[in-house]
């Protein structure tokens, strides 16, 4: 059983695929939990074009800007 949580609302699904499809329809920040794990975010971003997500929000995440040193730099 998987639970999709958003804005104090919970909805249960029998499988992860159904929970993710529902999360995509909501188009807002949700938490999916079940079977010993939890994942959160806005589901449905399939591609980045010209530095923007499909909804027009700038996609500026960069692996080089992560906090902490990467493993190959530590060794």
C-alpha atoms as a PDB file:
ATOM      1  CA  UNK A   1       0.000   0.000   0.000  1.00  0.00           C
ATOM      2  CA  UNK A   2       1.271   3.453  -0.936  1.00  0.00           C
ATOM      3  CA  UNK A   3       0.033   6.764   0.448  1.00  0.00           C
ATOM      4  CA  UNK A   4       0.136  10.089  -1.392  1.00  0.00           C
ATOM      5  CA  UNK A   5       0.125  13.050   1.024  1.00  0.00           C
ATOM      6  CA  UNK A   6      -0.478  16.657   0.063  1.00  0.00           C
ATOM      7  CA  UNK A   7      -1.861  19.635   1.991  1.00  0.00           C
ATOM      8  CA  UNK A   8      -3.024  17.438   4.882  1.00  0.00           C
ATOM      9  CA  UNK A   9      -4.844  15.085   2.499  1.00  0.00           C
ATOM     10  CA  UNK A  10      -3.958  11.399   2.217  1.00  0.00           C
ATOM     11  CA  UNK A  11      -4.979   8.971  -0.498  1.00  0.00           C
ATOM     12  CA  UNK A  12      -4.030   5.283  -0.597  1.00  0.00           C
ATOM     13  CA  UNK A  13      -3.072   3.215  -3.655  1.00  0.00           C
ATOM     14  CA  UNK A  14      -2.324  -0.467  -4.120  1.00  0.00           C
ATOM     15  CA  UNK A  15       0.845   0.083  -6.180  1.00  0.00           C
ATOM     16  CA  UNK A  16       3.535   2.688  -6.761  1.00  0.00           C
ATOM     17  CA  UNK A  17       2.591   3.266 -10.408  1.00  0.00           C
ATOM     18  CA  UNK A  18      -0.939   4.337  -9.438  1.00  0.00           C
ATOM     19  CA  UNK A  19       0.377   6.594  -6.683  1.00  0.00           C
ATOM     20  CA  UNK A  20       2.807   8.304  -9.070  1.00  0.00           C
ATOM     21  CA  UNK A  21       0.130   8.825 -11.737  1.00  0.00           C
ATOM     22  CA  UNK A  22      -2.095  10.487  -9.141  1.00  0.00           C
ATOM     23  CA  UNK A  23       0.818  12.642  -7.949  1.00  0.00           C
ATOM     24  CA  UNK A  24       1.416  13.825 -11.533  1.00  0.00           C
ATOM     25  CA  UNK A  25      -2.241  14.834 -11.839  1.00  0.00           C
ATOM     26  CA  UNK A  26      -2.018  16.947  -8.670  1.00  0.00           C
ATOM     27  CA  UNK A  27       0.939  18.911 -10.074  1.00  0.00           C
ATOM     28  CA  UNK A  28       2.050  20.024  -6.603  1.00  0.00           C
ATOM     29  CA  UNK A  29       4.497  18.989  -3.907  1.00  0.00           C
ATOM     30  CA  UNK A  30       3.541  15.579  -2.490  1.00  0.00           C
ATOM     31  CA  UNK A  31       5.030  12.791  -0.396  1.00  0.00           C
ATOM     32  CA  UNK A  32       4.615   9.177  -1.447  1.00  0.00           C
ATOM     33  CA  UNK A  33       5.316   6.638   1.266  1.00  0.00           C
ATOM     34  CA  UNK A  34       4.992   2.883   1.515  1.00  0.00           C
ATOM     35  CA  UNK A  35       6.886  -0.400   1.580  1.00  0.00           C
ATOM     36  CA  UNK A  36       9.628   1.032   3.783  1.00  0.00           C
ATOM     37  CA  UNK A  37      10.513   4.117   1.751  1.00  0.00           C
ATOM     38  CA  UNK A  38       9.419   7.703   1.235  1.00  0.00           C
ATOM     39  CA  UNK A  39       9.900  10.017  -1.737  1.00  0.00           C
ATOM     40  CA  UNK A  40       8.758  13.606  -2.126  1.00  0.00           C
ATOM     41  CA  UNK A  41       8.622  16.318  -4.738  1.00  0.00           C
ATOM     42  CA  UNK A  42       6.608  17.510  -7.686  1.00  0.00           C
ATOM     43  CA  UNK A  43       6.149  14.575 -10.043  1.00  0.00           C
ATOM     44  CA  UNK A  44       5.937  14.812 -13.790  1.00  0.00           C
ATOM     45  CA  UNK A  45       8.985  16.737 -14.963  1.00  0.00           C
ATOM     46  CA  UNK A  46      10.042  14.679 -17.960  1.00  0.00           C
ATOM     47  CA  UNK A  47      12.386  17.030 -19.745  1.00  0.00           C
ATOM     48  CA  UNK A  48      14.383  20.233 -19.453  1.00  0.00           C
ATOM     49  CA  UNK A  49      14.502  22.521 -22.472  1.00  0.00           C
ATOM     50  CA  UNK A  50      16.486  25.754 -22.658  1.00  0.00           C
ATOM     51  CA  UNK A  51      17.178  25.535 -18.921  1.00  0.00           C
ATOM     52  CA  UNK A  52      13.491  25.396 -17.952  1.00  0.00           C
ATOM     53  CA  UNK A  53      11.061  22.752 -16.738  1.00  0.00           C
ATOM     54  CA  UNK A  54       7.874  22.187 -18.767  1.00  0.00           C
ATOM     55  CA  UNK A  55       5.984  24.603 -16.465  1.00  0.00           C
ATOM     56  CA  UNK A  56       8.480  27.411 -17.163  1.00  0.00           C
ATOM     57  CA  UNK A  57      10.362  27.231 -13.847  1.00  0.00           C
ATOM     58  CA  UNK A  58      14.132  27.631 -14.232  1.00  0.00           C
ATOM     59  CA  UNK A  59      16.051  24.389 -13.701  1.00  0.00           C
ATOM     60  CA  UNK A  60      19.310  25.428 -12.098  1.00  0.00           C
ATOM     61  CA  UNK A  61      20.426  22.321 -10.188  1.00  0.00           C
ATOM     62  CA  UNK A  62      24.039  21.543 -10.871  1.00  0.00           C
ATOM     63  CA  UNK A  63      26.037  18.574  -9.573  1.00  0.00           C
ATOM     64  CA  UNK A  64      29.109  20.781  -9.210  1.00  0.00           C
ATOM     65  CA  UNK A  65      27.242  23.093  -6.830  1.00  0.00           C
ATOM     66  CA  UNK A  66      26.352  20.348  -4.343  1.00  0.00           C
ATOM     67  CA  UNK A  67      27.351  20.910  -0.733  1.00  0.00           C
ATOM     68  CA  UNK A  68      30.399  18.867   0.198  1.00  0.00           C
ATOM     69  CA  UNK A  69      33.234  17.460  -1.824  1.00  0.00           C
ATOM     70  CA  UNK A  70      32.739  14.716  -4.346  1.00  0.00           C
ATOM     71  CA  UNK A  71      34.295  11.346  -3.590  1.00  0.00           C
ATOM     72  CA  UNK A  72      37.027  11.544  -6.223  1.00  0.00           C
ATOM     73  CA  UNK A  73      38.285  14.815  -4.684  1.00  0.00           C
ATOM     74  CA  UNK A  74      38.491  13.229  -1.203  1.00  0.00           C
ATOM     75  CA  UNK A  75      40.709  10.340  -2.239  1.00  0.00           C
END
